[in-house]
Amino acid sequence: MRILLTDPILSRFTGELTRDGTDGHDWEFLAGRPDDEVVARLGGADVLVASRMTVPMAEAGADLRLVHVTGAGLDRIPLDALAPGTTVCNTFHHGRSIAEHVVMVALMLSRRVLRADRLLRRGIWESVALDPTLQLGGTLAGRTIGVVGFGEIGQQVARAAGALGMRVRAVRRNPDAPLPPDLRLDRVDGDDRLHELLAASDVVVLTVPLSSATKGLIGTAQLARMRPDALLINVARGPIVDEDALFTALVEEEIAGAALDVWWSHPKDGAGATGYTRPFHELENVVLTPHHSGHTRETFTGRAAEIAANIGRLANGAQLSNVVRGTAGR
């Protein structure tokens, strides 16, 4: 088979991608190439491994048997523009890495690490031992974390938070769906009980996929439901939160802080790019990271191995894993 790879991160894992029966295929590594060059190469290709596609790519890839997305999200894949016979699969393996990031930034905000680090670099030793007006930070143990969405990421967040002694509650589309046997939650509700989760949680973590139903899910009214000492952590997609509403809530201290790993735009070139329009970088109660909460070696070695295995299954006519569209391999 002829296989095109455009994902820049997976391009680092060619060894994992070409193991287990996929090394005999014709691989073309096109990461960093212009979109029009990718379009020109798609004719006659069997498989595209990519994190994003354009409509012209989908139209040029009429012969594609498989589009294998290199992550979980499908919001950058024009599914409706793909040929009817093209199967689409995704992959995960990022849940544990993102869960550890959630714990890390929650602790940073709770213990005011950003401020302490910044002041100490300037030679200022700010401590409650010296200043009786300073507030003490708090531990996460005994506090409530509310998880919005409960797929792989949400479940791993629950495991990590539970291990720290936090109470865990969640909202999901189907609250009656069975949970993994190792998970014990204080409460699981449907999406219609989001307002209750917001009001009851010390830390709110967003893990839902971006869709027409979740765009703008957290706005002025929802932020007003949160406690003044609560934290909001977004590891899902930027547009799930209303940017202006969040900035106002942080400036006016309607909530205590936020950790943002996802943004309202996704620049191709990192030079001078922020992904936001409001000056979040001026606020001390925000942790900013460039969409890398899941970027660990463990994430991408797992993804590369699973994608390679799926390509092997496609070649052998076997059932594919993580099929989100189509019937290839059945």
C-alpha atoms as a PDB file:
ATOM      1  CA  MET A   1       0.000   0.000   0.000  1.00  0.00           C
ATOM      2  CA  ARG A   2       1.002   3.609  -0.484  1.00  0.00           C
ATOM      3  CA  ILE A   3       0.918   5.511   2.805  1.00  0.00           C
ATOM      4  CA  LEU A   4       1.269   9.265   3.318  1.00  0.00           C
ATOM      5  CA  LEU A   5       2.180  10.738   6.714  1.00  0.00           C
ATOM      6  CA  THR A   6       1.800  14.490   7.332  1.00  0.00           C
ATOM      7  CA  ASP A   7       1.801  14.648  11.125  1.00  0.00           C
ATOM      8  CA  PRO A   8       5.025  16.353  12.305  1.00  0.00           C
ATOM      9  CA  ILE A   9       5.177  14.665  15.707  1.00  0.00           C
ATOM     10  CA  LEU A  10       4.488  11.114  14.479  1.00  0.00           C
ATOM     11  CA  SER A  11       7.219  11.656  11.889  1.00  0.00           C
ATOM     12  CA  ARG A  12       9.691  11.289  14.780  1.00  0.00           C
ATOM     13  CA  PHE A  13       8.473   7.742  15.395  1.00  0.00           C
ATOM     14  CA  THR A  14       9.133   6.121  12.040  1.00  0.00           C
ATOM     15  CA  GLY A  15      10.675   3.106  13.752  1.00  0.00           C
ATOM     16  CA  GLU A  16       7.446   2.324  15.595  1.00  0.00           C
ATOM     17  CA  LEU A  17       5.337   3.061  12.525  1.00  0.00           C
ATOM     18  CA  THR A  18       7.187   0.678  10.234  1.00  0.00           C
ATOM     19  CA  ARG A  19       7.244  -2.329  12.542  1.00  0.00           C
ATOM     20  CA  ASP A  20       4.960  -5.342  12.643  1.00  0.00           C
ATOM     21  CA  GLY A  21       4.300  -5.814   8.955  1.00  0.00           C
ATOM     22  CA  THR A  22       4.000  -2.189   7.811  1.00  0.00           C
ATOM     23  CA  ASP A  23       7.647  -1.860   6.731  1.00  0.00           C
ATOM     24  CA  GLY A  24       6.945  -3.425   3.336  1.00  0.00           C
ATOM     25  CA  HIS A  25       4.649  -0.609   2.253  1.00  0.00           C
ATOM     26  CA  ASP A  26       5.537   2.573   0.394  1.00  0.00           C
ATOM     27  CA  TRP A  27       5.736   5.330   3.029  1.00  0.00           C
ATOM     28  CA  GLU A  28       5.928   9.026   2.087  1.00  0.00           C
ATOM     29  CA  PHE A  29       6.784  11.411   4.929  1.00  0.00           C
ATOM     30  CA  LEU A  30       5.345  14.825   4.086  1.00  0.00           C
ATOM     31  CA  ALA A  31       5.381  16.637   7.424  1.00  0.00           C
ATOM     32  CA  GLY A  32       5.966  20.346   6.937  1.00  0.00           C
ATOM     33  CA  ARG A  33       5.168  20.276   3.229  1.00  0.00           C
ATOM     34  CA  PRO A  34       2.685  22.853   1.863  1.00  0.00           C
ATOM     35  CA  ASP A  35      -0.937  21.777   1.631  1.00  0.00           C
ATOM     36  CA  ASP A  36      -0.950  21.967  -2.148  1.00  0.00           C
ATOM     37  CA  GLU A  37       1.975  19.543  -2.315  1.00  0.00           C
ATOM     38  CA  VAL A  38       0.110  17.103  -0.078  1.00  0.00           C
ATOM     39  CA  VAL A  39      -2.939  17.455  -2.328  1.00  0.00           C
ATOM     40  CA  ALA A  40      -0.781  16.638  -5.361  1.00  0.00           C
ATOM     41  CA  ARG A  41       0.571  13.486  -3.688  1.00  0.00           C
ATOM     42  CA  LEU A  42      -2.785  12.127  -2.506  1.00  0.00           C
ATOM     43  CA  GLY A  43      -3.895  10.721  -5.835  1.00  0.00           C
ATOM     44  CA  GLY A  44      -3.716   6.929  -5.701  1.00  0.00           C
ATOM     45  CA  ALA A  45      -2.717   6.823  -2.027  1.00  0.00           C
ATOM     46  CA  ASP A  46      -4.257   4.097   0.135  1.00  0.00           C
ATOM     47  CA  VAL A  47      -3.699   5.550   3.607  1.00  0.00           C
ATOM     48  CA  LEU A  48      -3.274   9.054   5.025  1.00  0.00           C
ATOM     49  CA  VAL A  49      -1.915   9.414   8.570  1.00  0.00           C
ATOM     50  CA  ALA A  50      -2.631  12.978   9.658  1.00  0.00           C
ATOM     51  CA  SER A  51      -3.754  15.273  12.449  1.00  0.00           C
ATOM     52  CA  ARG A  52      -5.573  17.571  10.038  1.00  0.00           C
ATOM     53  CA  MET A  53      -7.006  17.644   6.524  1.00  0.00           C
ATOM     54  CA  THR A  54      -8.401  20.311   4.260  1.00  0.00           C
ATOM     55  CA  VAL A  55     -11.392  19.868   1.962  1.00  0.00           C
ATOM     56  CA  PRO A  56      -9.095  19.870  -1.120  1.00  0.00           C
ATOM     57  CA  MET A  57      -7.102  17.064   0.503  1.00  0.00           C
ATOM     58  CA  ALA A  58     -10.264  15.064   1.087  1.00  0.00           C
ATOM     59  CA  GLU A  59     -11.336  15.584  -2.511  1.00  0.00           C
ATOM     60  CA  ALA A  60      -7.899  14.653  -3.861  1.00  0.00           C
ATOM     61  CA  GLY A  61      -7.838  11.510  -1.723  1.00  0.00           C
ATOM     62  CA  ALA A  62     -10.773   9.851  -3.425  1.00  0.00           C
ATOM     63  CA  ASP A  63      -8.906   6.517  -3.459  1.00  0.00           C
ATOM     64  CA  LEU A  64      -8.026   6.558   0.217  1.00  0.00           C
ATOM     65  CA  ARG A  65      -9.034   3.391   2.018  1.00  0.00           C
ATOM     66  CA  LEU A  66      -8.110   4.779   5.418  1.00  0.00           C
ATOM     67  CA  VAL A  67      -7.556   8.142   7.064  1.00  0.00           C
ATOM     68  CA  HIS A  68      -5.900   7.470  10.395  1.00  0.00           C
ATOM     69  CA  VAL A  69      -6.118  10.502  12.659  1.00  0.00           C
ATOM     70  CA  THR A  70      -3.089  10.784  14.923  1.00  0.00           C
ATOM     71  CA  GLY A  71      -5.124  11.853  17.956  1.00  0.00           C
ATOM     72  CA  ALA A  72      -8.617  11.586  19.356  1.00  0.00           C
ATOM     73  CA  GLY A  73     -10.202  14.780  18.016  1.00  0.00           C
ATOM     74  CA  LEU A  74     -11.968  14.840  14.654  1.00  0.00           C
ATOM     75  CA  ASP A  75     -12.741  18.574  14.489  1.00  0.00           C
ATOM     76  CA  ARG A  76      -9.912  19.177  11.973  1.00  0.00           C
ATOM     77  CA  ILE A  77     -11.003  16.384   9.610  1.00  0.00           C
ATOM     78  CA  PRO A  78     -13.692  17.244   7.003  1.00  0.00           C
ATOM     79  CA  LEU A  79     -15.550  13.960   7.339  1.00  0.00           C
ATOM     80  CA  ASP A  80     -18.362  14.965   4.982  1.00  0.00           C
ATOM     81  CA  ALA A  81     -15.898  15.718   2.187  1.00  0.00           C
ATOM     82  CA  LEU A  82     -14.278  12.277   2.242  1.00  0.00           C
ATOM     83  CA  ALA A  83     -15.225   9.627  -0.290  1.00  0.00           C
ATOM     84  CA  PRO A  84     -17.931   7.219   0.944  1.00  0.00           C
ATOM     85  CA  GLY A  85     -15.526   4.289   0.924  1.00  0.00           C
ATOM     86  CA  THR A  86     -12.901   5.945   3.121  1.00  0.00           C
ATOM     87  CA  THR A  87     -12.686   4.630   6.675  1.00  0.00           C
ATOM     88  CA  VAL A  88     -11.578   6.969   9.458  1.00  0.00           C
ATOM     89  CA  CYS A  89      -9.903   5.780  12.666  1.00  0.00           C
ATOM     90  CA  ASN A  90      -8.535   7.747  15.578  1.00  0.00           C
ATOM     91  CA  THR A  91      -6.210   6.914  18.459  1.00  0.00           C
ATOM     92  CA  PHE A  92      -5.750   7.908  22.091  1.00  0.00           C
ATOM     93  CA  HIS A  93      -2.941   6.950  24.539  1.00  0.00           C
ATOM     94  CA  HIS A  94      -2.789  10.511  25.884  1.00  0.00           C
ATOM     95  CA  GLY A  95      -5.085  10.176  28.879  1.00  0.00           C
ATOM     96  CA  ARG A  96      -2.466   9.485  31.546  1.00  0.00           C
ATOM     97  CA  SER A  97      -0.167  12.248  30.291  1.00  0.00           C
ATOM     98  CA  ILE A  98      -3.000  14.784  30.297  1.00  0.00           C
ATOM     99  CA  ALA A  99      -4.186  13.635  33.724  1.00  0.00           C
ATOM    100  CA  GLU A 100      -0.723  14.238  35.165  1.00  0.00           C
ATOM    101  CA  HIS A 101      -0.736  17.691  33.554  1.00  0.00           C
ATOM    102  CA  VAL A 102      -4.109  18.430  35.186  1.00  0.00           C
ATOM    103  CA  VAL A 103      -2.731  17.522  38.614  1.00  0.00           C
ATOM    104  CA  MET A 104       0.398  19.581  37.983  1.00  0.00           C
ATOM    105  CA  VAL A 105      -1.399  22.806  37.014  1.00  0.00           C
ATOM    106  CA  ALA A 106      -4.020  22.392  39.741  1.00  0.00           C
ATOM    107  CA  LEU A 107      -1.208  22.252  42.291  1.00  0.00           C
ATOM    108  CA  MET A 108       0.580  25.197  40.674  1.00  0.00           C
ATOM    109  CA  LEU A 109      -2.547  27.331  40.955  1.00  0.00           C
ATOM    110  CA  SER A 110      -3.478  26.146  44.430  1.00  0.00           C
ATOM    111  CA  ARG A 111       0.013  26.846  45.772  1.00  0.00           C
ATOM    112  CA  ARG A 112       0.584  30.043  43.702  1.00  0.00           C
ATOM    113  CA  VAL A 113       3.741  28.636  42.171  1.00  0.00           C
ATOM    114  CA  LEU A 114       3.851  31.093  39.262  1.00  0.00           C
ATOM    115  CA  ARG A 115       3.906  34.131  41.546  1.00  0.00           C
ATOM    116  CA  ALA A 116       6.438  32.627  43.953  1.00  0.00           C
ATOM    117  CA  ASP A 117       8.746  31.659  41.101  1.00  0.00           C
ATOM    118  CA  ARG A 118       8.517  35.056  39.438  1.00  0.00           C
ATOM    119  CA  LEU A 119       9.234  36.980  42.659  1.00  0.00           C
ATOM    120  CA  LEU A 120      12.096  34.746  43.772  1.00  0.00           C
ATOM    121  CA  ARG A 121      13.805  35.201  40.394  1.00  0.00           C
ATOM    122  CA  ARG A 122      13.719  38.942  41.184  1.00  0.00           C
ATOM    123  CA  GLY A 123      15.232  38.368  44.613  1.00  0.00           C
ATOM    124  CA  ILE A 124      11.969  38.736  46.555  1.00  0.00           C
ATOM    125  CA  TRP A 125      11.352  36.102  49.230  1.00  0.00           C
ATOM    126  CA  GLU A 126       7.565  36.159  49.673  1.00  0.00           C
ATOM    127  CA  SER A 127       6.515  33.867  52.513  1.00  0.00           C
ATOM    128  CA  VAL A 128       3.726  33.558  55.046  1.00  0.00           C
ATOM    129  CA  ALA A 129       6.503  33.275  57.621  1.00  0.00           C
ATOM    130  CA  LEU A 130       7.388  36.907  56.888  1.00  0.00           C
ATOM    131  CA  ASP A 131       4.076  38.426  55.815  1.00  0.00           C
ATOM    132  CA  PRO A 132       1.012  37.615  57.960  1.00  0.00           C
ATOM    133  CA  THR A 133      -1.337  39.042  55.309  1.00  0.00           C
ATOM    134  CA  LEU A 134      -0.470  36.389  52.737  1.00  0.00           C
ATOM    135  CA  GLN A 135      -2.996  33.626  52.205  1.00  0.00           C
ATOM    136  CA  LEU A 136      -1.954  30.037  52.681  1.00  0.00           C
ATOM    137  CA  GLY A 137      -2.260  27.643  49.773  1.00  0.00           C
ATOM    138  CA  GLY A 138      -4.231  24.436  50.038  1.00  0.00           C
ATOM    139  CA  THR A 139      -3.818  20.767  49.297  1.00  0.00           C
ATOM    140  CA  LEU A 140      -5.931  18.923  46.734  1.00  0.00           C
ATOM    141  CA  ALA A 141      -6.814  16.110  49.142  1.00  0.00           C
ATOM    142  CA  GLY A 142     -10.376  16.413  50.382  1.00  0.00           C
ATOM    143  CA  ARG A 143     -11.404  18.827  47.643  1.00  0.00           C
ATOM    144  CA  THR A 144     -13.867  18.054  44.846  1.00  0.00           C
ATOM    145  CA  ILE A 145     -12.871  17.780  41.207  1.00  0.00           C
ATOM    146  CA  GLY A 146     -15.630  17.968  38.610  1.00  0.00           C
ATOM    147  CA  VAL A 147     -14.894  16.328  35.259  1.00  0.00           C
ATOM    148  CA  VAL A 148     -16.924  17.482  32.248  1.00  0.00           C
ATOM    149  CA  GLY A 149     -16.870  14.606  29.790  1.00  0.00           C
ATOM    150  CA  PHE A 150     -15.794  11.122  30.791  1.00  0.00           C
ATOM    151  CA  GLY A 151     -13.898   9.421  28.005  1.00  0.00           C
ATOM    152  CA  GLU A 152     -10.288   8.235  28.249  1.00  0.00           C
ATOM    153  CA  ILE A 153      -8.993  11.606  29.472  1.00  0.00           C
ATOM    154  CA  GLY A 154     -11.759  12.144  31.994  1.00  0.00           C
ATOM    155  CA  GLN A 155     -11.342   8.659  33.417  1.00  0.00           C
ATOM    156  CA  GLN A 156      -7.585   9.071  33.785  1.00  0.00           C
ATOM    157  CA  VAL A 157      -8.120  12.440  35.482  1.00  0.00           C
ATOM    158  CA  ALA A 158     -10.477  10.696  37.901  1.00  0.00           C
ATOM    159  CA  ARG A 159      -7.857   8.046  38.683  1.00  0.00           C
ATOM    160  CA  ALA A 160      -5.104  10.586  39.291  1.00  0.00           C
ATOM    161  CA  ALA A 161      -7.292  12.882  41.376  1.00  0.00           C
ATOM    162  CA  GLY A 162      -8.697  10.004  43.390  1.00  0.00           C
ATOM    163  CA  ALA A 163      -5.185   8.810  44.174  1.00  0.00           C
ATOM    164  CA  LEU A 164      -4.546  12.216  45.755  1.00  0.00           C
ATOM    165  CA  GLY A 165      -7.601  11.895  47.961  1.00  0.00           C
ATOM    166  CA  MET A 166      -9.920  14.144  45.962  1.00  0.00           C
ATOM    167  CA  ARG A 167     -13.640  13.556  45.667  1.00  0.00           C
ATOM    168  CA  VAL A 168     -14.541  12.979  42.017  1.00  0.00           C
ATOM    169  CA  ARG A 169     -17.781  13.715  40.230  1.00  0.00           C
ATOM    170  CA  ALA A 170     -18.530  13.882  36.523  1.00  0.00           C
ATOM    171  CA  VAL A 171     -21.130  14.718  33.903  1.00  0.00           C
ATOM    172  CA  ARG A 172     -21.411  12.731  30.695  1.00  0.00           C
ATOM    173  CA  ARG A 173     -23.917  12.128  27.905  1.00  0.00           C
ATOM    174  CA  ASN A 174     -24.972   8.758  29.279  1.00  0.00           C
ATOM    175  CA  PRO A 175     -24.684   8.791  33.085  1.00  0.00           C
ATOM    176  CA  ASP A 176     -25.859   5.170  33.296  1.00  0.00           C
ATOM    177  CA  ALA A 177     -23.061   3.770  31.124  1.00  0.00           C
ATOM    178  CA  PRO A 178     -20.922   1.301  33.097  1.00  0.00           C
ATOM    179  CA  LEU A 179     -17.682   2.565  34.600  1.00  0.00           C
ATOM    180  CA  PRO A 180     -14.361   0.716  34.571  1.00  0.00           C
ATOM    181  CA  PRO A 181     -14.235  -1.510  37.667  1.00  0.00           C
ATOM    182  CA  ASP A 182     -11.309   0.383  39.202  1.00  0.00           C
ATOM    183  CA  LEU A 183     -13.144   3.726  39.219  1.00  0.00           C
ATOM    184  CA  ARG A 184     -15.207   4.895  42.175  1.00  0.00           C
ATOM    185  CA  LEU A 185     -16.884   8.264  41.688  1.00  0.00           C
ATOM    186  CA  ASP A 186     -18.838  10.256  44.220  1.00  0.00           C
ATOM    187  CA  ARG A 187     -21.404  11.140  41.574  1.00  0.00           C
ATOM    188  CA  VAL A 188     -22.053  10.772  37.849  1.00  0.00           C
ATOM    189  CA  ASP A 189     -24.794  12.853  36.213  1.00  0.00           C
ATOM    190  CA  GLY A 190     -26.020  13.654  32.741  1.00  0.00           C
ATOM    191  CA  ASP A 191     -25.009  16.749  30.804  1.00  0.00           C
ATOM    192  CA  ASP A 192     -28.163  18.485  32.011  1.00  0.00           C
ATOM    193  CA  ARG A 193     -26.695  18.620  35.541  1.00  0.00           C
ATOM    194  CA  LEU A 194     -23.622  20.595  34.525  1.00  0.00           C
ATOM    195  CA  HIS A 195     -24.717  23.592  36.595  1.00  0.00           C
ATOM    196  CA  GLU A 196     -24.705  21.432  39.740  1.00  0.00           C
ATOM    197  CA  LEU A 197     -21.207  20.128  39.047  1.00  0.00           C
ATOM    198  CA  LEU A 198     -19.907  23.668  38.514  1.00  0.00           C
ATOM    199  CA  ALA A 199     -21.356  24.869  41.808  1.00  0.00           C
ATOM    200  CA  ALA A 200     -20.046  21.893  43.792  1.00  0.00           C
ATOM    201  CA  SER A 201     -16.479  21.631  42.442  1.00  0.00           C
ATOM    202  CA  ASP A 202     -13.231  23.136  43.685  1.00  0.00           C
ATOM    203  CA  VAL A 203     -11.571  22.193  40.386  1.00  0.00           C
ATOM    204  CA  VAL A 204     -13.464  21.894  37.088  1.00  0.00           C
ATOM    205  CA  VAL A 205     -11.741  20.020  34.249  1.00  0.00           C
ATOM    206  CA  LEU A 206     -13.043  20.150  30.667  1.00  0.00           C
ATOM    207  CA  THR A 207     -12.380  17.012  28.608  1.00  0.00           C
ATOM    208  CA  VAL A 208     -15.291  16.988  26.123  1.00  0.00           C
ATOM    209  CA  PRO A 209     -14.753  16.984  22.342  1.00  0.00           C
ATOM    210  CA  LEU A 210     -15.542  20.127  20.370  1.00  0.00           C
ATOM    211  CA  SER A 211     -18.885  20.009  18.572  1.00  0.00           C
ATOM    212  CA  SER A 212     -21.830  22.279  17.864  1.00  0.00           C
ATOM    213  CA  ALA A 213     -23.248  21.164  21.216  1.00  0.00           C
ATOM    214  CA  THR A 214     -20.108  21.959  23.238  1.00  0.00           C
ATOM    215  CA  LYS A 215     -18.930  25.157  21.547  1.00  0.00           C
ATOM    216  CA  GLY A 216     -19.381  27.928  24.098  1.00  0.00           C
ATOM    217  CA  LEU A 217     -20.428  25.405  26.733  1.00  0.00           C
ATOM    218  CA  ILE A 218     -18.739  27.470  29.447  1.00  0.00           C
ATOM    219  CA  GLY A 219     -19.796  31.110  29.279  1.00  0.00           C
ATOM    220  CA  THR A 220     -20.753  33.918  31.625  1.00  0.00           C
ATOM    221  CA  ALA A 221     -23.660  32.070  33.223  1.00  0.00           C
ATOM    222  CA  GLN A 222     -21.663  28.894  33.789  1.00  0.00           C
ATOM    223  CA  LEU A 223     -18.647  30.712  35.224  1.00  0.00           C
ATOM    224  CA  ALA A 224     -20.982  32.536  37.608  1.00  0.00           C
ATOM    225  CA  ARG A 225     -22.028  29.138  38.948  1.00  0.00           C
ATOM    226  CA  MET A 226     -18.487  28.350  40.011  1.00  0.00           C
ATOM    227  CA  ARG A 227     -17.118  29.167  43.442  1.00  0.00           C
ATOM    228  CA  PRO A 228     -14.874  32.243  43.860  1.00  0.00           C
ATOM    229  CA  ASP A 229     -12.059  29.943  45.015  1.00  0.00           C
ATOM    230  CA  ALA A 230     -12.554  27.393  42.218  1.00  0.00           C
ATOM    231  CA  LEU A 231     -10.178  26.597  39.357  1.00  0.00           C
ATOM    232  CA  LEU A 232     -11.009  25.905  35.696  1.00  0.00           C
ATOM    233  CA  ILE A 233      -8.717  23.625  33.682  1.00  0.00           C
ATOM    234  CA  ASN A 234      -9.284  23.251  29.940  1.00  0.00           C
ATOM    235  CA  VAL A 235      -7.509  20.366  28.199  1.00  0.00           C
ATOM    236  CA  ALA A 236     -10.272  19.851  25.616  1.00  0.00           C
ATOM    237  CA  ARG A 237     -10.597  22.578  22.971  1.00  0.00           C
ATOM    238  CA  GLY A 238     -10.414  26.356  23.315  1.00  0.00           C
ATOM    239  CA  PRO A 239     -13.834  27.274  21.839  1.00  0.00           C
ATOM    240  CA  ILE A 240     -15.611  25.181  24.485  1.00  0.00           C
ATOM    241  CA  VAL A 241     -15.034  28.213  26.722  1.00  0.00           C
ATOM    242  CA  ASP A 242     -16.144  31.749  25.858  1.00  0.00           C
ATOM    243  CA  GLU A 243     -12.871  33.682  25.753  1.00  0.00           C
ATOM    244  CA  ASP A 244     -14.238  37.080  26.805  1.00  0.00           C
ATOM    245  CA  ALA A 245     -16.320  35.609  29.618  1.00  0.00           C
ATOM    246  CA  LEU A 246     -13.348  33.693  31.021  1.00  0.00           C
ATOM    247  CA  PHE A 247     -11.017  36.679  30.901  1.00  0.00           C
ATOM    248  CA  THR A 248     -13.562  38.835  32.703  1.00  0.00           C
ATOM    249  CA  ALA A 249     -14.131  36.173  35.352  1.00  0.00           C
ATOM    250  CA  LEU A 250     -10.387  35.938  36.015  1.00  0.00           C
ATOM    251  CA  VAL A 251      -9.787  39.688  36.122  1.00  0.00           C
ATOM    252  CA  GLU A 252     -12.735  40.284  38.426  1.00  0.00           C
ATOM    253  CA  GLU A 253     -11.777  37.231  40.524  1.00  0.00           C
ATOM    254  CA  GLU A 254     -15.122  35.559  40.032  1.00  0.00           C
ATOM    255  CA  ILE A 255     -13.049  32.370  39.953  1.00  0.00           C
ATOM    256  CA  ALA A 256      -9.629  31.860  41.522  1.00  0.00           C
ATOM    257  CA  GLY A 257      -7.701  30.771  38.455  1.00  0.00           C
ATOM    258  CA  ALA A 258      -7.493  28.839  35.225  1.00  0.00           C
ATOM    259  CA  ALA A 259      -5.066  26.554  33.424  1.00  0.00           C
ATOM    260  CA  LEU A 260      -5.365  26.720  29.649  1.00  0.00           C
ATOM    261  CA  ASP A 261      -3.649  24.191  27.410  1.00  0.00           C
ATOM    262  CA  VAL A 262      -5.983  24.684  24.437  1.00  0.00           C
ATOM    263  CA  TRP A 263      -6.793  27.864  22.562  1.00  0.00           C
ATOM    264  CA  TRP A 264      -9.186  29.648  20.282  1.00  0.00           C
ATOM    265  CA  SER A 265      -6.882  29.419  17.277  1.00  0.00           C
ATOM    266  CA  HIS A 266      -4.094  27.041  16.260  1.00  0.00           C
ATOM    267  CA  PRO A 267      -1.181  28.875  14.622  1.00  0.00           C
ATOM    268  CA  LYS A 268       0.948  26.904  12.190  1.00  0.00           C
ATOM    269  CA  ASP A 269       3.999  28.991  13.002  1.00  0.00           C
ATOM    270  CA  GLY A 270       4.828  29.399  16.677  1.00  0.00           C
ATOM    271  CA  ALA A 271       6.663  32.694  16.157  1.00  0.00           C
ATOM    272  CA  GLY A 272       4.645  35.477  17.792  1.00  0.00           C
ATOM    273  CA  ALA A 273       1.552  33.302  17.999  1.00  0.00           C
ATOM    274  CA  THR A 274      -0.598  33.060  21.106  1.00  0.00           C
ATOM    275  CA  GLY A 275      -3.906  31.437  20.190  1.00  0.00           C
ATOM    276  CA  TYR A 276      -5.865  34.024  22.175  1.00  0.00           C
ATOM    277  CA  THR A 277      -6.952  37.646  21.738  1.00  0.00           C
ATOM    278  CA  ARG A 278      -7.357  38.764  25.369  1.00  0.00           C
ATOM    279  CA  PRO A 279      -4.162  39.377  27.447  1.00  0.00           C
ATOM    280  CA  PHE A 280      -4.223  36.222  29.552  1.00  0.00           C
ATOM    281  CA  HIS A 281      -0.428  36.442  29.801  1.00  0.00           C
ATOM    282  CA  GLU A 282      -0.761  39.498  32.048  1.00  0.00           C
ATOM    283  CA  LEU A 283      -2.680  37.571  34.716  1.00  0.00           C
ATOM    284  CA  GLU A 284      -0.971  35.840  37.631  1.00  0.00           C
ATOM    285  CA  ASN A 285      -3.846  33.413  38.192  1.00  0.00           C
ATOM    286  CA  VAL A 286      -3.495  31.627  34.839  1.00  0.00           C
ATOM    287  CA  VAL A 287      -1.146  28.836  33.745  1.00  0.00           C
ATOM    288  CA  LEU A 288      -0.592  28.957  29.978  1.00  0.00           C
ATOM    289  CA  THR A 289       0.743  26.004  27.973  1.00  0.00           C
ATOM    290  CA  PRO A 290       0.844  25.562  24.155  1.00  0.00           C
ATOM    291  CA  HIS A 291      -1.453  22.538  23.772  1.00  0.00           C
ATOM    292  CA  HIS A 292       1.145  20.080  25.019  1.00  0.00           C
ATOM    293  CA  SER A 293      -0.526  18.420  27.995  1.00  0.00           C
ATOM    294  CA  GLY A 294      -0.533  15.104  26.148  1.00  0.00           C
ATOM    295  CA  HIS A 295       2.871  15.489  24.531  1.00  0.00           C
ATOM    296  CA  THR A 296       4.949  12.768  26.137  1.00  0.00           C
ATOM    297  CA  ARG A 297       7.001   9.990  24.603  1.00  0.00           C
ATOM    298  CA  GLU A 298       4.580   7.463  26.050  1.00  0.00           C
ATOM    299  CA  THR A 299       1.675   9.089  24.225  1.00  0.00           C
ATOM    300  CA  PHE A 300       3.287   8.990  20.815  1.00  0.00           C
ATOM    301  CA  THR A 301       4.957   5.613  21.008  1.00  0.00           C
ATOM    302  CA  GLY A 302       1.545   4.193  21.900  1.00  0.00           C
ATOM    303  CA  ARG A 303      -0.122   6.016  19.041  1.00  0.00           C
ATOM    304  CA  ALA A 304       2.499   5.019  16.500  1.00  0.00           C
ATOM    305  CA  ALA A 305       2.258   1.364  17.506  1.00  0.00           C
ATOM    306  CA  GLU A 306      -1.530   1.374  17.296  1.00  0.00           C
ATOM    307  CA  ILE A 307      -1.559   3.120  13.902  1.00  0.00           C
ATOM    308  CA  ALA A 308       1.003   0.637  12.560  1.00  0.00           C
ATOM    309  CA  ALA A 309      -1.110  -2.249  13.842  1.00  0.00           C
ATOM    310  CA  ASN A 310      -4.228  -0.839  12.183  1.00  0.00           C
ATOM    311  CA  ILE A 311      -2.434  -0.438   8.861  1.00  0.00           C
ATOM    312  CA  GLY A 312      -1.346  -4.056   9.164  1.00  0.00           C
ATOM    313  CA  ARG A 313      -4.951  -5.083   9.816  1.00  0.00           C
ATOM    314  CA  LEU A 314      -6.103  -3.101   6.778  1.00  0.00           C
ATOM    315  CA  ALA A 315      -3.566  -4.867   4.579  1.00  0.00           C
ATOM    316  CA  ASN A 316      -4.722  -8.250   5.887  1.00  0.00           C
ATOM    317  CA  GLY A 317      -8.454  -7.520   5.693  1.00  0.00           C
ATOM    318  CA  ALA A 318      -8.853  -7.726   9.477  1.00  0.00           C
ATOM    319  CA  GLN A 319     -11.090  -5.683  11.773  1.00  0.00           C
ATOM    320  CA  LEU A 320      -9.658  -2.228  12.531  1.00  0.00           C
ATOM    321  CA  SER A 321      -9.661  -0.634  15.982  1.00  0.00           C
ATOM    322  CA  ASN A 322     -11.162   2.764  16.830  1.00  0.00           C
ATOM    323  CA  VAL A 323     -13.257   3.047  13.669  1.00  0.00           C
ATOM    324  CA  VAL A 324     -15.255   6.279  13.760  1.00  0.00           C
ATOM    325  CA  ARG A 325     -16.449   6.187  10.151  1.00  0.00           C
ATOM    326  CA  GLY A 326     -16.625   3.493   7.505  1.00  0.00           C
ATOM    327  CA  THR A 327     -16.265  -0.263   7.308  1.00  0.00           C
ATOM    328  CA  ALA A 328     -12.740  -1.050   6.053  1.00  0.00           C
ATOM    329  CA  GLY A 329     -11.424  -4.317   7.437  1.00  0.00           C
ATOM    330  CA  ARG A 330     -14.883  -5.742   8.139  1.00  0.00           C
END
